[in-house]
Amino acid sequence: MTQPFSADQDHATDEFETRDPAEFDPMTGELDLEDRKALRRVAGLSTELTDITEVEYRALRLERVVLVGVWTDGTAEMAENSLRELALLAETAGSEVLEGLVQRRSRPDPATYIGSGKAAELRDIVIATGADTVICDGELTPSQLRHLEETVQVKVIDRTALILDIFAQHAKSREGKAQVELAQLDYLLPRLRGWGGNLSRQVGGRAAGGIGIGGRGPGETKIELDRRRIRTRMAKLRRQLAGMSKSRDTKRGERRRNAVPAVAIAGYTNAGKSSLLNRLTGAGVLVENALFATLDPTVRRAETPGGRAYTLADTVGFVRHLPHQLVEAFRSTLEEVTDAGLILHVVDGSDADPEAQLEAVREVLRDIGADGIPEIVVINKADAADDLTIARLQRREPHSVVVSARTGFGIEALRAAIEADLPGLESEVRALVPYDRGDLVGQVHERGEVLKQEHLADGTMLHARVPADLAGELARFEAVAPNV
């Protein structure tokens, strides 16, 4: 059963304009967004190879695409939602979606993913629409990729290659670029096919049909050379990433020594994580209505309503079927989540299937060992979400806060929830601190939560919750403190 799916795309015209730096809006990261859009892909300038088997040696150029997915389980609505998400991914990569097809099967065809008959139908659709690329909603094996390309006679890529291409476009820092390149090479390595049939294979003796000496071709030598170069490059990238992670480890270690609690923002891509960071801290990081707009982690200082300091980290968004290569390559970046004492799990309340978003994110959190960290579910985009959907999510997630990062609705309730759940305040103290120990009072305000404070003749009377080490320093003043 083949079900059509179409997607319309409006194209905005970029304009050059002069902008006063004073007009920069920290809530949208507008200058960063304009800088990203300053250079755009120009279609129709590259010289295409005529042999489709050479595609691994060319950069992905996505222009006019047809989507195809295999519906193996779940409902038809779930299958269509998955294809709609694939359309958003394709548009984020810079392509125009012409058509979408869903094939109902018990499992993907091991040869052509959708079966030989449907592959022939797909070829007719490609010819009729003038598409130059087919994108499959799943990860294809090397043999499936090759057989499907041979049938449809245009470039075929899968969901993993598409996500890797988006990451390559959005990576800005040196570490982000290295992580993406490592993931791309890991994906490419088992899919090398040399230069198709243009080079002969190494054979000899009977395998060469009796030709023997002189029957050996250079084909396998070329493939092995490419594999060796890729493995060497991957080893170099891993060494570079190990060195880059030391700086982040040093910063995290300094925060631990100062007992500054860490809060990480995690969630589905385009759920509004960066907007939430901007709303809570005024960080001014890039905000764009696009998938995977944030790849490089951003850490900012924030304060609770009671004045307690903590760090807030924005992280890369997750997606259904996130490629394993990306999870491994971005493991150092995702350490911001694993080292956090509290996770703000942001979910898009206006999404067609927010429960699937929650499960997809928690699957990745389990993979990186962060599933045991306390979390607050932040149901974002309340201004655009349906009331029934929000009520359903609140019943499913009792420990949740409904907010709108765009309008500011619910932000104060979220700050209060963060303050209540921040880790590290295991000791409650009552102490009369002499005025010559103002440094201790300052630490209590900086690292703890002051419940009550009163200035007396002999010093400052404090009732507060503080970390264990600070409680030890206050212990000698606790004996002389009257009941507060």
Protein backbone atom coordinates (compact mmCIF):
# COMPACT_ATOMS: atom_id res chain seq x y z
CA MET A 1 0.00 0.00 0.00
CA THR A 2 1.48 3.27 -1.07
CA GLN A 3 0.17 6.50 0.42
CA PRO A 4 1.09 9.86 -1.12
CA PHE A 5 2.41 12.65 1.01
CA SER A 6 3.14 16.15 -0.22
CA ALA A 7 4.87 19.10 1.41
CA ASP A 8 4.68 22.73 0.40
CA GLN A 9 7.63 24.96 1.05
CA ASP A 10 7.68 28.71 1.13
CA HIS A 11 10.98 30.28 0.24
CA ALA A 12 11.95 33.54 1.85
CA THR A 13 14.08 36.07 -0.01
CA ASP A 14 17.29 37.06 1.76
CA GLU A 15 18.06 40.77 1.77
CA PHE A 16 21.25 42.64 2.61
CA GLU A 17 20.75 45.32 5.20
CA THR A 18 22.81 47.32 7.64
CA ARG A 19 21.89 46.71 11.27
CA ASP A 20 22.91 48.68 14.29
CA PRO A 21 24.56 46.36 16.89
CA ALA A 22 22.36 48.05 19.49
CA GLU A 23 19.34 46.48 17.80
CA PHE A 24 20.58 42.95 18.63
CA ASP A 25 17.86 41.00 20.40
CA PRO A 26 19.36 38.53 22.90
CA MET A 27 16.17 36.49 22.86
CA THR A 28 16.56 35.46 19.23
CA GLY A 29 20.32 35.55 18.53
CA GLU A 30 19.36 37.43 15.35
CA LEU A 31 22.87 38.47 14.32
CA ASP A 32 24.07 34.88 14.57
CA LEU A 33 21.09 33.78 12.49
CA GLU A 34 21.80 36.39 9.81
CA ASP A 35 25.46 35.35 9.74
CA ARG A 36 24.45 31.76 9.10
CA LYS A 37 22.17 32.79 6.23
CA ALA A 38 24.79 35.07 4.66
CA LEU A 39 26.11 32.23 2.47
CA ARG A 40 23.57 30.02 0.74
CA ARG A 41 23.94 27.01 -1.48
CA VAL A 42 23.67 27.78 -5.20
CA ALA A 43 22.03 25.01 -7.18
CA GLY A 44 23.08 23.88 -10.63
CA LEU A 45 26.78 24.81 -10.54
CA SER A 46 28.39 21.44 -9.86
CA THR A 47 29.41 18.95 -12.56
CA GLU A 48 27.54 15.75 -11.85
CA LEU A 49 29.03 12.30 -12.30
CA THR A 50 27.21 10.07 -14.75
CA ASP A 51 27.89 6.86 -12.82
CA ILE A 52 25.58 6.73 -9.78
CA THR A 53 27.97 4.33 -8.00
CA GLU A 54 30.40 7.22 -7.49
CA VAL A 55 28.13 9.09 -5.09
CA GLU A 56 30.18 8.29 -1.97
CA TYR A 57 32.99 10.43 -3.33
CA ARG A 58 30.81 13.51 -3.74
CA ALA A 59 29.43 15.88 -1.13
CA LEU A 60 25.70 15.61 -0.60
CA ARG A 61 23.76 18.08 -2.75
CA LEU A 62 20.12 17.97 -1.82
CA GLU A 63 17.78 19.87 -4.11
CA ARG A 64 14.58 18.23 -5.35
CA VAL A 65 13.79 15.15 -3.29
CA VAL A 66 11.24 12.37 -2.96
CA LEU A 67 10.72 10.81 0.47
CA VAL A 68 9.97 7.14 1.05
CA GLY A 69 9.32 5.28 4.29
CA VAL A 70 8.42 1.77 5.40
CA TRP A 71 5.55 1.43 7.88
CA THR A 72 6.21 -1.74 9.89
CA ASP A 73 4.32 -1.13 13.15
CA GLY A 74 2.18 1.45 14.92
CA THR A 75 -0.63 3.42 13.37
CA ALA A 76 -0.82 5.12 9.98
CA GLU A 77 -0.75 8.47 11.76
CA MET A 78 2.57 7.58 13.42
CA ALA A 79 4.04 6.60 10.06
CA GLU A 80 2.88 9.86 8.48
CA ASN A 81 4.26 11.89 11.41
CA SER A 82 7.63 10.22 10.93
CA LEU A 83 7.58 11.15 7.24
CA ARG A 84 6.58 14.73 8.07
CA GLU A 85 9.56 14.94 10.39
CA LEU A 86 11.76 13.60 7.57
CA ALA A 87 10.36 16.38 5.35
CA LEU A 88 11.39 18.97 7.97
CA LEU A 89 14.85 17.44 8.13
CA ALA A 90 15.13 17.56 4.32
CA GLU A 91 14.02 21.21 4.23
CA THR A 92 16.50 22.05 6.99
CA ALA A 93 19.23 20.53 4.82
CA GLY A 94 18.23 22.89 1.99
CA SER A 95 16.12 20.68 -0.25
CA GLU A 96 12.66 20.95 -1.79
CA VAL A 97 10.32 18.08 -0.97
CA LEU A 98 8.30 17.06 -4.02
CA GLU A 99 6.56 13.86 -2.93
CA GLY A 100 6.39 11.41 -0.05
CA LEU A 101 5.48 7.72 -0.05
CA VAL A 102 4.80 5.23 2.74
CA GLN A 103 5.07 1.50 2.00
CA ARG A 104 3.22 -0.90 4.36
CA ARG A 105 5.36 -3.97 5.04
CA SER A 106 5.98 -6.38 7.90
CA ARG A 107 9.68 -5.52 7.64
CA PRO A 108 11.91 -3.61 5.18
CA ASP A 109 12.91 -5.57 2.09
CA PRO A 110 16.49 -6.81 2.58
CA ALA A 111 17.38 -6.05 -1.04
CA THR A 112 15.75 -2.72 -1.97
CA TYR A 113 14.16 -1.55 1.34
CA ILE A 114 10.69 -1.17 -0.24
CA GLY A 115 10.59 -4.19 -2.56
CA SER A 116 11.42 -4.47 -6.25
CA GLY A 117 7.90 -3.64 -7.49
CA LYS A 118 7.62 -0.51 -5.35
CA ALA A 119 11.16 0.47 -6.31
CA ALA A 120 10.04 0.43 -9.98
CA GLU A 121 7.03 2.61 -9.04
CA LEU A 122 9.38 4.94 -7.20
CA ARG A 123 11.48 5.21 -10.36
CA ASP A 124 8.40 6.35 -12.33
CA ILE A 125 7.62 8.98 -9.68
CA VAL A 126 11.20 10.24 -9.76
CA ILE A 127 10.99 10.65 -13.54
CA ALA A 128 7.58 12.35 -13.35
CA THR A 129 8.61 14.85 -10.66
CA GLY A 130 12.12 15.51 -11.94
CA ALA A 131 13.66 14.64 -8.56
CA ASP A 132 17.38 14.17 -8.25
CA THR A 133 17.48 12.50 -4.82
CA VAL A 134 15.50 9.88 -2.89
CA ILE A 135 15.59 10.02 0.91
CA CYS A 136 14.61 6.90 2.87
CA ASP A 137 13.12 7.17 6.36
CA GLY A 138 15.48 4.69 7.98
CA GLU A 139 19.09 3.55 7.89
CA LEU A 140 19.85 1.50 4.78
CA THR A 141 22.42 -1.24 4.60
CA PRO A 142 25.12 -0.80 1.95
CA SER A 143 23.47 -3.46 -0.25
CA GLN A 144 20.00 -1.85 0.05
CA LEU A 145 21.51 1.50 -0.90
CA ARG A 146 23.25 0.06 -3.95
CA HIS A 147 20.27 -1.95 -5.22
CA LEU A 148 17.81 0.91 -4.78
CA GLU A 149 20.12 3.32 -6.63
CA GLU A 150 20.48 0.85 -9.47
CA THR A 151 16.68 0.76 -9.82
CA VAL A 152 15.73 4.43 -9.44
CA GLN A 153 18.91 5.74 -11.16
CA VAL A 154 19.24 8.80 -8.93
CA LYS A 155 21.12 9.41 -5.72
CA VAL A 156 19.65 7.60 -2.68
CA ILE A 157 20.46 8.56 0.89
CA ASP A 158 19.00 7.47 4.20
CA ARG A 159 17.88 9.30 7.33
CA THR A 160 21.29 8.93 8.96
CA ALA A 161 23.15 10.55 6.05
CA LEU A 162 20.59 13.37 6.02
CA ILE A 163 21.04 14.14 9.73
CA LEU A 164 24.83 14.01 9.33
CA ASP A 165 24.58 16.51 6.47
CA ILE A 166 22.52 18.89 8.65
CA PHE A 167 25.05 18.60 11.44
CA ALA A 168 27.87 19.35 9.00
CA GLN A 169 26.07 22.53 7.88
CA HIS A 170 25.41 23.77 11.42
CA ALA A 171 28.67 22.88 13.17
CA LYS A 172 30.52 26.09 14.01
CA SER A 173 33.16 25.36 16.65
CA ARG A 174 36.34 23.42 16.01
CA GLU A 175 35.15 20.65 18.31
CA GLY A 176 31.71 20.50 16.69
CA LYS A 177 33.21 20.19 13.22
CA ALA A 178 35.56 17.43 14.37
CA GLN A 179 32.69 15.51 15.99
CA VAL A 180 30.58 15.71 12.83
CA GLU A 181 33.46 14.65 10.59
CA LEU A 182 34.17 11.66 12.81
CA ALA A 183 30.52 10.59 12.63
CA GLN A 184 30.46 11.03 8.84
CA LEU A 185 33.59 8.93 8.37
CA ASP A 186 32.24 6.23 10.67
CA TYR A 187 29.08 6.12 8.52
CA LEU A 188 31.00 6.18 5.23
CA LEU A 189 33.55 3.46 6.01
CA PRO A 190 31.33 0.38 5.45
CA ARG A 191 29.69 2.00 2.42
CA LEU A 192 32.78 2.48 0.26
CA ARG A 193 32.39 0.91 -3.17
CA GLY A 194 35.36 2.21 -5.04
CA TRP A 195 34.65 3.69 -8.47
CA GLY A 196 32.00 1.17 -9.47
CA GLY A 197 32.81 -1.09 -12.40
CA ASN A 198 35.34 1.32 -13.85
CA LEU A 199 38.22 -0.46 -12.10
CA SER A 200 38.72 -4.20 -12.23
CA ARG A 201 39.08 -6.36 -9.12
CA GLN A 202 42.14 -8.22 -7.93
CA VAL A 203 41.90 -11.79 -9.17
CA GLY A 204 44.29 -14.45 -10.25
CA GLY A 205 44.61 -18.10 -11.27
CA ARG A 206 41.30 -19.86 -11.69
CA ALA A 207 39.36 -16.89 -10.30
CA ALA A 208 40.58 -14.92 -13.30
CA GLY A 209 39.24 -17.47 -15.71
CA GLY A 210 42.69 -18.95 -16.30
CA ILE A 211 44.32 -15.57 -17.00
CA GLY A 212 46.67 -15.87 -14.00
CA ILE A 213 49.52 -13.36 -13.91
CA GLY A 214 48.45 -10.04 -15.40
CA GLY A 215 44.81 -10.56 -14.44
CA ARG A 216 45.03 -8.52 -11.28
CA GLY A 217 43.37 -5.12 -11.40
CA PRO A 218 43.77 -2.07 -9.19
CA GLY A 219 40.18 -1.94 -7.88
CA GLU A 220 40.60 -3.55 -4.47
CA THR A 221 43.86 -1.71 -3.89
CA LYS A 222 42.07 1.60 -4.34
CA ILE A 223 39.29 0.67 -1.89
CA GLU A 224 41.75 -0.53 0.74
CA LEU A 225 43.74 2.67 0.36
CA ASP A 226 40.61 4.73 0.94
CA ARG A 227 39.69 2.65 3.99
CA ARG A 228 43.17 3.04 5.44
CA ARG A 229 43.06 6.80 4.96
CA ILE A 230 39.64 7.01 6.61
CA ARG A 231 40.78 4.93 9.61
CA THR A 232 43.87 7.10 9.98
CA ARG A 233 41.78 10.27 9.85
CA MET A 234 39.30 8.87 12.39
CA ALA A 235 42.13 8.04 14.80
CA LYS A 236 43.48 11.58 14.45
CA LEU A 237 40.05 13.10 15.07
CA ARG A 238 39.58 11.00 18.20
CA ARG A 239 42.91 12.23 19.56
CA GLN A 240 41.94 15.83 18.80
CA LEU A 241 38.55 15.45 20.52
CA ALA A 242 40.20 13.90 23.57
CA GLY A 243 42.43 16.97 23.83
CA MET A 244 39.53 19.40 23.33
CA SER A 245 37.47 17.78 26.07
CA LYS A 246 40.13 18.62 28.67
CA SER A 247 39.12 22.28 28.66
CA ARG A 248 35.49 21.41 29.38
CA ASP A 249 36.57 18.93 32.05
CA THR A 250 38.61 21.68 33.72
CA LYS A 251 35.65 24.05 33.77
CA ARG A 252 33.35 21.37 35.14
CA GLY A 253 35.91 20.51 37.81
CA GLU A 254 36.11 24.17 38.86
CA ARG A 255 32.33 24.32 39.18
CA ARG A 256 32.35 21.19 41.33
CA ARG A 257 35.03 22.61 43.63
CA ASN A 258 32.94 25.72 44.07
CA ALA A 259 29.87 23.51 44.65
CA VAL A 260 27.95 25.32 41.91
CA PRO A 261 25.07 23.01 40.91
CA ALA A 262 24.70 22.25 37.21
CA VAL A 263 21.41 22.14 35.33
CA ALA A 264 21.26 20.81 31.75
CA ILE A 265 18.56 21.58 29.18
CA ALA A 266 17.83 18.46 27.13
CA GLY A 267 15.03 17.65 24.75
CA TYR A 268 13.86 17.04 21.22
CA THR A 269 15.28 19.15 18.44
CA ASN A 270 13.36 22.39 17.83
CA ALA A 271 11.49 22.02 21.14
CA GLY A 272 12.65 25.49 22.25
CA LYS A 273 15.71 24.71 24.40
CA SER A 274 17.76 27.71 23.25
CA SER A 275 14.77 30.02 23.63
CA LEU A 276 14.35 28.76 27.19
CA LEU A 277 18.04 29.38 27.92
CA ASN A 278 17.71 32.93 26.59
CA ARG A 279 14.58 33.52 28.65
CA LEU A 280 16.20 32.26 31.87
CA THR A 281 19.64 33.86 31.45
CA GLY A 282 19.53 36.41 28.59
CA ALA A 283 22.32 34.43 26.91
CA GLY A 284 21.54 35.65 23.38
CA VAL A 285 22.32 32.32 21.69
CA LEU A 286 20.99 31.47 18.24
CA VAL A 287 17.27 30.75 18.04
CA GLU A 288 15.90 29.46 14.74
CA ASN A 289 12.77 27.56 13.78
CA ALA A 290 14.83 24.74 12.32
CA LEU A 291 16.00 21.31 13.38
CA PHE A 292 19.43 21.05 15.00
CA ALA A 293 20.03 24.81 15.11
CA THR A 294 22.18 24.22 18.22
CA LEU A 295 25.15 21.85 18.09
CA ASP A 296 27.72 23.48 20.36
CA PRO A 297 26.89 23.50 24.08
CA THR A 298 26.36 26.86 25.76
CA VAL A 299 26.82 27.20 29.53
CA ARG A 300 25.53 30.30 31.34
CA ARG A 301 25.23 31.37 34.96
CA ALA A 302 21.75 31.78 36.44
CA GLU A 303 20.20 32.45 39.83
CA THR A 304 17.16 31.10 41.61
CA PRO A 305 14.54 33.52 43.01
CA GLY A 306 16.26 33.06 46.38
CA GLY A 307 19.60 34.14 44.95
CA ARG A 308 21.32 30.75 44.68
CA ALA A 309 23.70 30.49 41.74
CA TYR A 310 23.73 27.58 39.30
CA THR A 311 24.89 26.88 35.75
CA LEU A 312 22.49 26.24 32.88
CA ALA A 313 23.74 24.31 29.84
CA ASP A 314 22.04 24.20 26.45
CA THR A 315 22.78 20.97 24.55
CA VAL A 316 22.27 19.43 21.13
CA GLY A 317 18.72 18.30 20.44
CA PHE A 318 17.71 14.70 20.01
CA VAL A 319 15.53 13.11 17.37
CA ARG A 320 13.86 9.77 16.71
CA HIS A 321 16.35 7.16 15.52
CA LEU A 322 19.31 9.44 16.29
CA PRO A 323 22.29 7.86 14.46
CA HIS A 324 24.54 5.83 16.74
CA GLN A 325 27.56 7.49 15.14
CA LEU A 326 26.36 10.89 16.36
CA VAL A 327 25.76 9.71 19.91
CA GLU A 328 29.30 8.35 20.04
CA ALA A 329 30.89 11.38 18.36
CA PHE A 330 29.01 13.87 20.56
CA ARG A 331 29.62 11.92 23.77
CA SER A 332 32.00 14.59 25.11
CA THR A 333 29.38 17.28 24.46
CA LEU A 334 26.66 15.17 26.05
CA GLU A 335 28.77 14.95 29.21
CA GLU A 336 27.20 18.31 30.10
CA VAL A 337 24.02 16.28 30.62
CA THR A 338 25.57 13.31 32.42
CA ASP A 339 27.40 15.59 34.88
CA ALA A 340 24.33 17.69 35.67
CA GLY A 341 22.48 17.44 38.95
CA LEU A 342 19.15 18.29 37.33
CA ILE A 343 17.79 18.00 33.78
CA LEU A 344 15.19 20.32 32.27
CA HIS A 345 13.54 17.98 29.77
CA VAL A 346 11.92 20.29 27.22
CA VAL A 347 9.08 18.93 25.10
CA ASP A 348 7.16 20.75 22.35
CA GLY A 349 3.56 20.86 23.55
CA SER A 350 2.36 21.86 20.07
CA ASP A 351 3.90 18.80 18.37
CA ALA A 352 1.59 16.20 16.84
CA ASP A 353 3.08 13.44 19.03
CA PRO A 354 4.83 14.92 22.11
CA GLU A 355 4.83 11.55 23.90
CA ALA A 356 7.07 10.15 21.16
CA GLN A 357 9.42 13.10 21.72
CA LEU A 358 9.64 12.28 25.42
CA GLU A 359 10.42 8.63 24.74
CA ALA A 360 13.01 9.41 22.03
CA VAL A 361 14.91 11.75 24.38
CA ARG A 362 14.79 9.32 27.29
CA GLU A 363 16.13 6.57 25.03
CA VAL A 364 19.22 8.68 24.31
CA LEU A 365 19.55 9.61 28.01
CA ARG A 366 19.58 5.88 28.81
CA ASP A 367 22.29 5.33 26.18
CA ILE A 368 24.59 7.94 27.74
CA GLY A 369 23.86 6.87 31.34
CA ALA A 370 21.86 9.95 32.34
CA ASP A 371 18.50 8.27 32.95
CA GLY A 372 18.97 8.32 36.75
CA ILE A 373 19.35 12.12 37.00
CA PRO A 374 16.33 14.00 38.43
CA GLU A 375 14.37 15.84 35.75
CA ILE A 376 11.71 18.49 35.40
CA VAL A 377 9.57 18.08 32.28
CA VAL A 378 9.13 21.51 30.71
CA ILE A 379 6.10 21.58 28.39
CA ASN A 380 7.05 24.44 26.06
CA LYS A 381 5.14 26.41 23.41
CA ALA A 382 2.02 26.66 25.58
CA ASP A 383 0.90 29.63 23.48
CA ALA A 384 0.61 27.37 20.40
CA ALA A 385 -0.36 24.07 22.04
CA ASP A 386 -3.81 22.57 22.41
CA ASP A 387 -5.23 22.68 25.96
CA LEU A 388 -6.24 19.03 25.82
CA THR A 389 -2.71 18.01 24.78
CA ILE A 390 -1.18 19.98 27.67
CA ALA A 391 -3.64 18.41 30.13
CA ARG A 392 -2.77 14.94 28.80
CA LEU A 393 0.96 15.60 29.19
CA GLN A 394 0.50 16.91 32.72
CA ARG A 395 -1.35 13.73 33.69
CA ARG A 396 1.44 11.63 32.16
CA GLU A 397 4.22 13.74 33.72
CA PRO A 398 3.13 14.92 37.20
CA HIS A 399 6.47 16.65 37.81
CA SER A 400 6.12 19.13 34.95
CA VAL A 401 5.84 22.87 34.33
CA VAL A 402 3.95 24.47 31.43
CA VAL A 403 5.77 27.45 29.89
CA SER A 404 6.08 29.54 26.77
CA ALA A 405 9.67 30.61 26.21
CA ARG A 406 8.49 33.03 23.51
CA THR A 407 6.00 34.95 25.67
CA GLY A 408 7.47 34.31 29.13
CA PHE A 409 4.40 32.47 30.43
CA GLY A 410 5.24 30.08 33.31
CA ILE A 411 8.92 31.09 33.57
CA GLU A 412 8.62 32.16 37.22
CA ALA A 413 6.98 28.84 38.09
CA LEU A 414 9.86 27.07 36.35
CA ARG A 415 12.44 29.09 38.31
CA ALA A 416 10.70 28.11 41.54
CA ALA A 417 10.69 24.43 40.48
CA ILE A 418 14.42 24.60 39.67
CA GLU A 419 15.13 26.14 43.08
CA ALA A 420 13.19 23.39 44.85
CA ASP A 421 14.97 20.60 42.94
CA LEU A 422 18.55 21.92 42.88
CA PRO A 423 20.86 19.31 44.42
CA GLY A 424 23.52 19.84 47.05
CA LEU A 425 21.55 21.50 49.88
CA GLU A 426 21.48 18.51 52.17
CA SER A 427 22.24 20.41 55.41
CA GLU A 428 19.90 22.84 57.18
CA VAL A 429 21.72 25.16 59.62
CA ARG A 430 20.89 27.89 62.13
CA ALA A 431 23.91 29.99 63.01
CA LEU A 432 24.88 33.37 64.44
CA VAL A 433 27.76 34.47 62.23
CA PRO A 434 29.98 37.30 63.60
CA TYR A 435 30.20 40.44 61.49
CA ASP A 436 33.92 39.88 60.92
CA ARG A 437 33.00 36.66 59.04
CA GLY A 438 31.03 38.31 56.28
CA ASP A 439 32.76 35.94 53.85
CA LEU A 440 30.75 33.05 55.31
CA VAL A 441 27.50 34.96 54.92
CA GLY A 442 28.42 35.67 51.31
CA GLN A 443 29.09 31.96 50.67
CA VAL A 444 25.74 31.02 52.17
CA HIS A 445 24.00 33.44 49.79
CA GLU A 446 26.11 32.25 46.84
CA ARG A 447 26.01 28.50 47.38
CA GLY A 448 22.97 27.90 49.56
CA GLU A 449 19.38 28.93 50.07
CA VAL A 450 18.69 31.50 52.80
CA LEU A 451 15.39 30.80 54.53
CA LYS A 452 15.64 33.63 57.08
CA GLN A 453 18.22 36.30 57.90
CA GLU A 454 18.31 38.80 60.75
CA HIS A 455 20.97 41.30 61.81
CA LEU A 456 21.56 41.29 65.58
CA ALA A 457 24.04 43.05 67.85
CA ASP A 458 26.48 40.12 67.87
CA GLY A 459 26.25 39.19 64.18
CA THR A 460 24.03 37.90 61.39
CA MET A 461 21.44 35.30 62.33
CA LEU A 462 21.03 32.80 59.46
CA HIS A 463 18.60 29.98 58.85
CA ALA A 464 19.62 28.33 55.59
CA ARG A 465 20.10 25.14 53.59
CA VAL A 466 23.72 24.71 52.51
CA PRO A 467 26.10 22.05 51.10
CA ALA A 468 27.76 19.71 53.59
CA ASP A 469 31.22 21.34 53.43
CA LEU A 470 29.80 24.80 54.15
CA ALA A 471 27.68 23.39 56.99
CA GLY A 472 30.91 22.17 58.56
CA GLU A 473 32.37 25.69 58.54
CA LEU A 474 29.20 27.08 60.12
CA ALA A 475 29.03 24.38 62.79
CA ARG A 476 31.15 26.28 65.36
CA PHE A 477 28.69 29.19 65.24
CA GLU A 478 25.65 26.94 65.53
CA ALA A 479 25.95 26.23 69.28
CA VAL A 480 25.54 29.89 70.23
CA ALA A 481 22.60 30.46 67.89
CA PRO A 482 19.24 30.89 69.63
CA ASN A 483 16.08 29.47 68.07
CA VAL A 484 15.28 31.32 64.88
